[in-house]
Protein backbone atom coordinates (compact mmCIF):
# COMPACT_ATOMS: atom_id res chain seq x y z
CA UNK A 1 0.00 0.00 0.00
CA UNK A 2 2.85 2.37 0.94
CA UNK A 3 4.65 1.72 -2.32
CA UNK A 4 1.47 2.39 -4.32
CA UNK A 5 0.93 5.68 -2.44
CA UNK A 6 4.52 6.72 -3.20
CA UNK A 7 3.97 5.81 -6.82
CA UNK A 8 0.86 7.96 -6.88
CA UNK A 9 2.82 10.85 -5.36
CA UNK A 10 5.55 10.44 -7.94
CA UNK A 11 2.97 10.49 -10.72
CA UNK A 12 1.37 13.61 -9.26
CA UNK A 13 4.72 15.43 -9.01
CA UNK A 14 5.54 14.45 -12.56
CA UNK A 15 2.19 15.72 -13.78
CA UNK A 16 2.64 19.00 -11.96
CA UNK A 17 6.24 19.59 -12.99
CA UNK A 18 6.13 18.23 -16.51
CA UNK A 19 3.13 19.67 -18.27
CA UNK A 20 3.63 19.53 -22.06
CA UNK A 21 5.10 23.02 -22.22
CA UNK A 22 7.30 22.38 -19.18
CA UNK A 23 8.49 19.05 -20.50
CA UNK A 24 9.52 20.58 -23.78
CA UNK A 25 11.38 23.38 -22.05
CA UNK A 26 13.08 21.05 -19.60
CA UNK A 27 14.13 18.68 -22.36
CA UNK A 28 15.87 21.56 -24.13
CA UNK A 29 17.96 22.46 -21.09
CA UNK A 30 21.49 21.10 -21.30
CA UNK A 31 23.90 21.02 -18.39
CA UNK A 32 26.86 23.16 -19.43
CA UNK A 33 30.30 23.79 -18.04
CA UNK A 34 30.61 26.14 -15.08
CA UNK A 35 30.78 29.68 -16.56
CA UNK A 36 31.97 31.17 -13.27
CA UNK A 37 34.96 28.84 -13.12
CA UNK A 38 35.81 29.65 -16.73
CA UNK A 39 35.49 33.38 -16.05
CA UNK A 40 37.81 33.11 -13.03
CA UNK A 41 40.41 31.36 -15.18
CA UNK A 42 40.14 33.96 -17.94
CA UNK A 43 40.29 36.81 -15.42
CA UNK A 44 43.60 35.44 -14.15
CA UNK A 45 44.90 35.27 -17.72
CA UNK A 46 43.75 38.81 -18.36
CA UNK A 47 45.49 39.97 -15.19
CA UNK A 48 48.78 38.47 -16.37
CA UNK A 49 48.46 40.17 -19.75
CA UNK A 50 47.71 43.51 -18.09
CA UNK A 51 50.95 43.19 -16.11
CA UNK A 52 52.93 42.22 -19.21
CA UNK A 53 51.53 45.18 -21.12
CA UNK A 54 52.19 47.63 -18.25
CA UNK A 55 48.62 48.56 -17.52
CA UNK A 56 45.00 47.66 -17.96
CA UNK A 57 44.17 46.78 -21.56
CA UNK A 58 40.81 48.46 -21.98
CA UNK A 59 39.35 46.07 -24.55
CA UNK A 60 40.27 43.20 -22.26
CA UNK A 61 38.78 44.85 -19.18
CA UNK A 62 35.63 45.75 -21.07
CA UNK A 63 35.16 42.16 -22.26
CA UNK A 64 35.73 40.93 -18.70
CA UNK A 65 33.12 43.36 -17.28
CA UNK A 66 30.54 42.27 -19.86
CA UNK A 67 31.24 38.59 -19.15
CA UNK A 68 30.97 39.18 -15.38
CA UNK A 69 27.59 40.94 -15.73
CA UNK A 70 26.21 38.25 -18.04
CA UNK A 71 27.44 35.45 -15.76
CA UNK A 72 25.92 37.12 -12.67
CA UNK A 73 22.57 37.46 -14.47
CA UNK A 74 22.61 33.79 -15.45
CA UNK A 75 23.45 32.75 -11.88
CA UNK A 76 20.64 34.91 -10.44
CA UNK A 77 18.07 33.44 -12.83
CA UNK A 78 19.19 29.87 -12.16
CA UNK A 79 18.81 30.47 -8.41
CA UNK A 80 15.31 31.90 -8.94
CA UNK A 81 14.44 28.92 -11.13
CA UNK A 82 15.55 26.43 -8.47
CA UNK A 83 13.43 28.23 -5.85
CA UNK A 84 10.37 28.28 -8.11
CA UNK A 85 10.67 24.58 -8.93
CA UNK A 86 10.93 23.78 -5.22
CA UNK A 87 7.71 25.73 -4.62
CA UNK A 88 5.92 23.71 -7.31
CA UNK A 89 6.98 20.47 -5.62
CA UNK A 90 5.71 21.84 -2.28
CA UNK A 91 2.33 22.63 -3.84
CA UNK A 92 2.17 19.13 -5.27
CA UNK A 93 2.94 17.56 -1.90
CA UNK A 94 0.31 19.71 -0.16
CA UNK A 95 -2.27 18.78 -2.77
CA UNK A 96 -1.49 15.09 -2.35
CA UNK A 97 -1.63 15.13 1.45
CA UNK A 98 -4.84 17.19 1.48
CA UNK A 99 -6.58 14.89 -0.95
CA UNK A 100 -9.13 15.89 -3.55
CA UNK A 101 -12.68 17.04 -2.83
CA UNK A 102 -14.95 17.20 -5.86
CA UNK A 103 -18.60 18.31 -6.10
CA UNK A 104 -19.88 14.71 -5.68
CA UNK A 105 -18.04 14.22 -2.43
CA UNK A 106 -19.24 17.58 -1.15
CA UNK A 107 -22.90 16.61 -1.74
CA UNK A 108 -22.48 13.28 0.02
CA UNK A 109 -20.31 14.65 2.82
CA UNK A 110 -21.69 13.66 6.26
CA UNK A 111 -19.25 15.45 8.56
CA UNK A 112 -18.53 19.10 9.37
CA UNK A 113 -19.72 21.14 6.36
CA UNK A 114 -17.53 24.11 7.22
CA UNK A 115 -14.49 21.80 7.25
CA UNK A 116 -15.40 20.46 3.82
CA UNK A 117 -15.87 23.94 2.40
CA UNK A 118 -12.58 25.07 3.95
CA UNK A 119 -10.82 22.09 2.35
CA UNK A 120 -12.41 22.92 -1.01
CA UNK A 121 -11.28 26.56 -0.74
CA UNK A 122 -7.77 25.43 0.16
CA UNK A 123 -7.59 23.10 -2.84
CA UNK A 124 -8.89 25.85 -5.13
CA UNK A 125 -6.25 28.23 -3.79
CA UNK A 126 -3.51 25.62 -4.27
CA UNK A 127 -4.63 24.98 -7.82
CA UNK A 128 -4.47 28.68 -8.57
CA UNK A 129 -1.02 29.02 -7.00
CA UNK A 130 0.15 25.94 -8.89
CA UNK A 131 -0.91 27.45 -12.22
CA UNK A 132 0.78 30.76 -11.39
CA UNK A 133 3.94 29.02 -10.27
CA UNK A 134 4.10 26.78 -13.33
CA UNK A 135 3.80 29.83 -15.56
CA UNK A 136 6.59 31.49 -13.61
CA UNK A 137 8.82 28.42 -13.89
CA UNK A 138 8.28 28.21 -17.64
CA UNK A 139 9.21 31.89 -18.01
CA UNK A 140 12.26 31.45 -15.80
CA UNK A 141 13.41 28.46 -17.85
CA UNK A 142 13.23 30.56 -21.00
CA UNK A 143 15.05 33.52 -19.43
CA UNK A 144 17.68 31.33 -17.75
CA UNK A 145 18.48 29.64 -21.05
CA UNK A 146 18.84 33.02 -22.75
CA UNK A 147 21.08 34.29 -19.94
CA UNK A 148 23.30 31.20 -20.12
CA UNK A 149 23.74 31.67 -23.86
CA UNK A 150 24.50 35.37 -23.37
CA UNK A 151 27.09 34.56 -20.69
CA UNK A 152 28.68 31.94 -22.92
CA UNK A 153 28.87 34.45 -25.79
CA UNK A 154 30.54 37.12 -23.62
CA UNK A 155 33.02 34.60 -22.22
CA UNK A 156 33.90 33.55 -25.78
CA UNK A 157 34.50 37.23 -26.66
CA UNK A 158 36.88 37.51 -23.70
CA UNK A 159 38.71 34.41 -24.93
CA UNK A 160 39.05 35.96 -28.39
CA UNK A 161 40.47 39.19 -26.94
CA UNK A 162 43.01 37.25 -24.90
CA UNK A 163 44.09 35.19 -27.92
CA UNK A 164 44.34 38.31 -30.08
CA UNK A 165 46.62 40.02 -27.56
CA UNK A 166 48.77 36.92 -27.31
CA UNK A 167 49.17 36.84 -31.10
CA UNK A 168 50.16 40.53 -31.08
CA UNK A 169 52.70 39.98 -28.29
CA UNK A 170 55.74 40.80 -30.44
CA UNK A 171 54.19 44.01 -31.77
CA UNK A 172 53.17 45.18 -28.31
CA UNK A 173 56.51 44.25 -26.74
CA UNK A 174 58.26 46.30 -29.45
CA UNK A 175 56.00 49.23 -28.58
CA UNK A 176 56.76 48.88 -24.87
CA UNK A 177 60.49 48.68 -25.56
CA UNK A 178 60.30 51.90 -27.60
CA UNK A 179 59.11 53.89 -24.59
CA UNK A 180 61.05 52.04 -21.93
CA UNK A 181 59.87 51.63 -18.36
CA UNK A 182 59.58 54.58 -16.00
CA UNK A 183 59.05 54.54 -12.27
CA UNK A 184 57.61 57.42 -10.23
CA UNK A 185 60.13 60.08 -9.26
CA UNK A 186 60.03 63.13 -7.01
CA UNK A 187 57.54 63.99 -4.29
CA UNK A 188 54.54 64.00 -6.63
CA UNK A 189 54.68 60.22 -7.14
CA UNK A 190 54.28 60.53 -10.92
CA UNK A 191 56.54 59.29 -13.68
CA UNK A 192 58.49 61.89 -15.66
CA UNK A 193 56.42 61.08 -18.74
CA UNK A 194 53.16 61.68 -16.85
CA UNK A 195 54.44 64.98 -15.44
CA UNK A 196 55.32 66.16 -18.95
CA UNK A 197 51.88 65.19 -20.30
CA UNK A 198 50.08 66.87 -17.38
CA UNK A 199 52.05 70.11 -17.73
CA UNK A 200 51.43 70.31 -21.47
CA UNK A 201 47.71 69.71 -20.97
CA UNK A 202 47.51 72.48 -18.36
CA UNK A 203 49.40 74.83 -20.68
CA UNK A 204 47.05 74.18 -23.60
CA UNK A 205 43.65 73.67 -21.97
CA UNK A 206 41.80 75.59 -19.24
CA UNK A 207 40.81 73.37 -16.32
CA UNK A 208 37.98 75.13 -14.46
CA UNK A 209 36.91 71.85 -12.80
CA UNK A 210 40.38 70.68 -11.81
CA UNK A 211 42.28 67.46 -12.41
CA UNK A 212 43.76 64.53 -10.48
CA UNK A 213 46.66 62.18 -11.15
CA UNK A 214 48.16 60.14 -8.32
CA UNK A 215 45.72 57.97 -6.39
CA UNK A 216 47.62 55.99 -3.69
CA UNK A 217 46.39 52.42 -3.34
CA UNK A 218 44.73 52.36 -6.76
CA UNK A 219 45.63 49.04 -8.48
CA UNK A 220 45.63 50.70 -11.91
CA UNK A 221 47.64 53.43 -13.59
CA UNK A 222 46.64 56.14 -11.09
CA UNK A 223 48.29 54.13 -8.33
CA UNK A 224 51.53 53.75 -10.28
CA UNK A 225 51.70 57.45 -11.17
CA UNK A 226 51.05 56.94 -14.87
CA UNK A 227 47.60 58.48 -15.39
CA UNK A 228 45.66 61.73 -14.95
CA UNK A 229 41.95 62.59 -14.99
CA UNK A 230 41.01 66.00 -16.41
CA UNK A 231 37.53 66.99 -15.22
CA UNK A 232 35.01 68.53 -17.60
CA UNK A 233 32.29 68.99 -14.95
CA UNK A 234 31.83 68.69 -11.20
CA UNK A 235 29.70 66.47 -8.99
CA UNK A 236 29.37 63.73 -11.60
CA UNK A 237 27.27 65.96 -13.86
CA UNK A 238 27.10 65.62 -17.63
CA UNK A 239 29.40 68.30 -19.13
CA UNK A 240 27.91 71.32 -20.84
CA UNK A 241 28.23 71.56 -24.62
CA UNK A 242 31.29 73.85 -24.28
CA UNK A 243 32.93 71.57 -21.72
CA UNK A 244 32.29 68.49 -23.85
CA UNK A 245 33.83 70.24 -26.86
CA UNK A 246 36.90 71.00 -24.71
CA UNK A 247 37.09 67.35 -23.69
CA UNK A 248 36.82 66.29 -27.34
CA UNK A 249 39.73 68.60 -28.22
CA UNK A 250 41.81 67.30 -25.32
CA UNK A 251 41.20 63.66 -26.29
CA UNK A 252 42.16 64.36 -29.90
CA UNK A 253 45.23 66.31 -28.76
CA UNK A 254 46.32 63.25 -26.74
CA UNK A 255 45.93 61.05 -29.85
CA UNK A 256 47.77 63.49 -32.12
CA UNK A 257 50.67 63.87 -29.68
CA UNK A 258 50.52 60.37 -28.25
CA UNK A 259 53.44 58.91 -30.17
CA UNK A 260 55.71 61.79 -29.14
CA UNK A 261 54.64 61.82 -25.50
CA UNK A 262 54.10 58.10 -24.90
CA UNK A 263 50.31 58.05 -24.40
CA UNK A 264 49.12 54.48 -23.83
CA UNK A 265 45.35 54.93 -23.82
CA UNK A 266 42.60 57.53 -23.46
CA UNK A 267 39.07 57.15 -22.04
CA UNK A 268 36.39 59.78 -22.65
CA UNK A 269 32.60 59.78 -22.99
CA UNK A 270 32.27 56.01 -22.40
CA UNK A 271 34.77 55.26 -25.18
CA UNK A 272 38.41 54.22 -25.08
CA UNK A 273 41.33 54.58 -27.47
CA UNK A 274 44.12 52.08 -26.73
CA UNK A 275 47.38 52.54 -28.65
CA UNK A 276 48.45 48.96 -27.91
CA UNK A 277 45.51 47.39 -29.74
CA UNK A 278 45.40 49.94 -32.56
CA UNK A 279 41.63 49.56 -32.84
CA UNK A 280 40.72 53.27 -32.70
CA UNK A 281 37.83 54.47 -30.55
CA UNK A 282 35.70 51.69 -29.10
CA UNK A 283 32.53 51.91 -27.01
CA UNK A 284 32.94 50.97 -23.35
CA UNK A 285 30.27 48.97 -21.53
CA UNK A 286 28.16 50.74 -18.91
CA UNK A 287 30.06 50.90 -15.60
CA UNK A 288 27.18 52.43 -13.66
CA UNK A 289 27.51 56.24 -13.62
CA UNK A 290 28.87 59.37 -15.29
CA UNK A 291 32.22 59.24 -13.52
CA UNK A 292 32.69 55.47 -13.88
CA UNK A 293 31.80 55.80 -17.56
CA UNK A 294 34.22 58.74 -17.97
CA UNK A 295 31.39 61.00 -19.15
CA UNK A 296 32.65 63.84 -16.93
CA UNK A 297 36.43 63.54 -17.39
CA UNK A 298 39.16 62.66 -19.86
CA UNK A 299 41.48 59.91 -18.61
CA UNK A 300 44.99 59.71 -20.09
CA UNK A 301 47.34 56.84 -19.23
CA UNK A 302 51.02 56.83 -20.17
CA UNK A 303 53.47 54.05 -21.07
């Protein structure tokens, strides 16, 4: 008797979890390799390349940020899907333990009528919740699959960027050798090349909103004294038309004089121009705000 009851429960759970639409969606889900583990491995590779190339390679960092966001989205949806599927199983178990009460049994019921009506209301509520939850699970399956594919695509893009940089190793090493390696000197904590760039910028461009270069503790170029930020607004605001035009001129000036001065890359208006990759201006992914996206300042990093 116990085994037959368990069999009935199993059949009920299967019926609840694998409606035709659910079965089709579940059948299409394939267990894939762990994207987070792959992203960790690629992040380590990217970190090594950044060190070899004397600073953050913007295309590489941008690909890593996109892959991280896509992977986090996929993980969040998979967690939500697991929770929703658990809820469906709980509804199925409650339905099984409560038993069914149809109109025939209500008419012939000899006990407490209020109890019978309460049971009927409970079963109706469970049926409604089951339908809602099944719809939610089906939607989550679809979204989770999309997110997994998106994460896989971004991770593949990061792989391609890493391979491209490895293939261009000789070209980039030649470029690095041309400019040599400078360490910070003097009390300002900046390299001589950065000091020269900063002074020329201040001579040629008004800076009503100020600028900043050394940032102690920063793991990037600001921390090593090889970068400056030239502000085109204050308080994280979008620059005015005049200020944006000034930033455009400054960014172009850095490109035009980059070979002479040793400019490595420029970031401005959510775009970056990296001399090492030679790809021209490229759009940067959204980092979350005007300052993080370099909407309000021109960043110049030096070799």
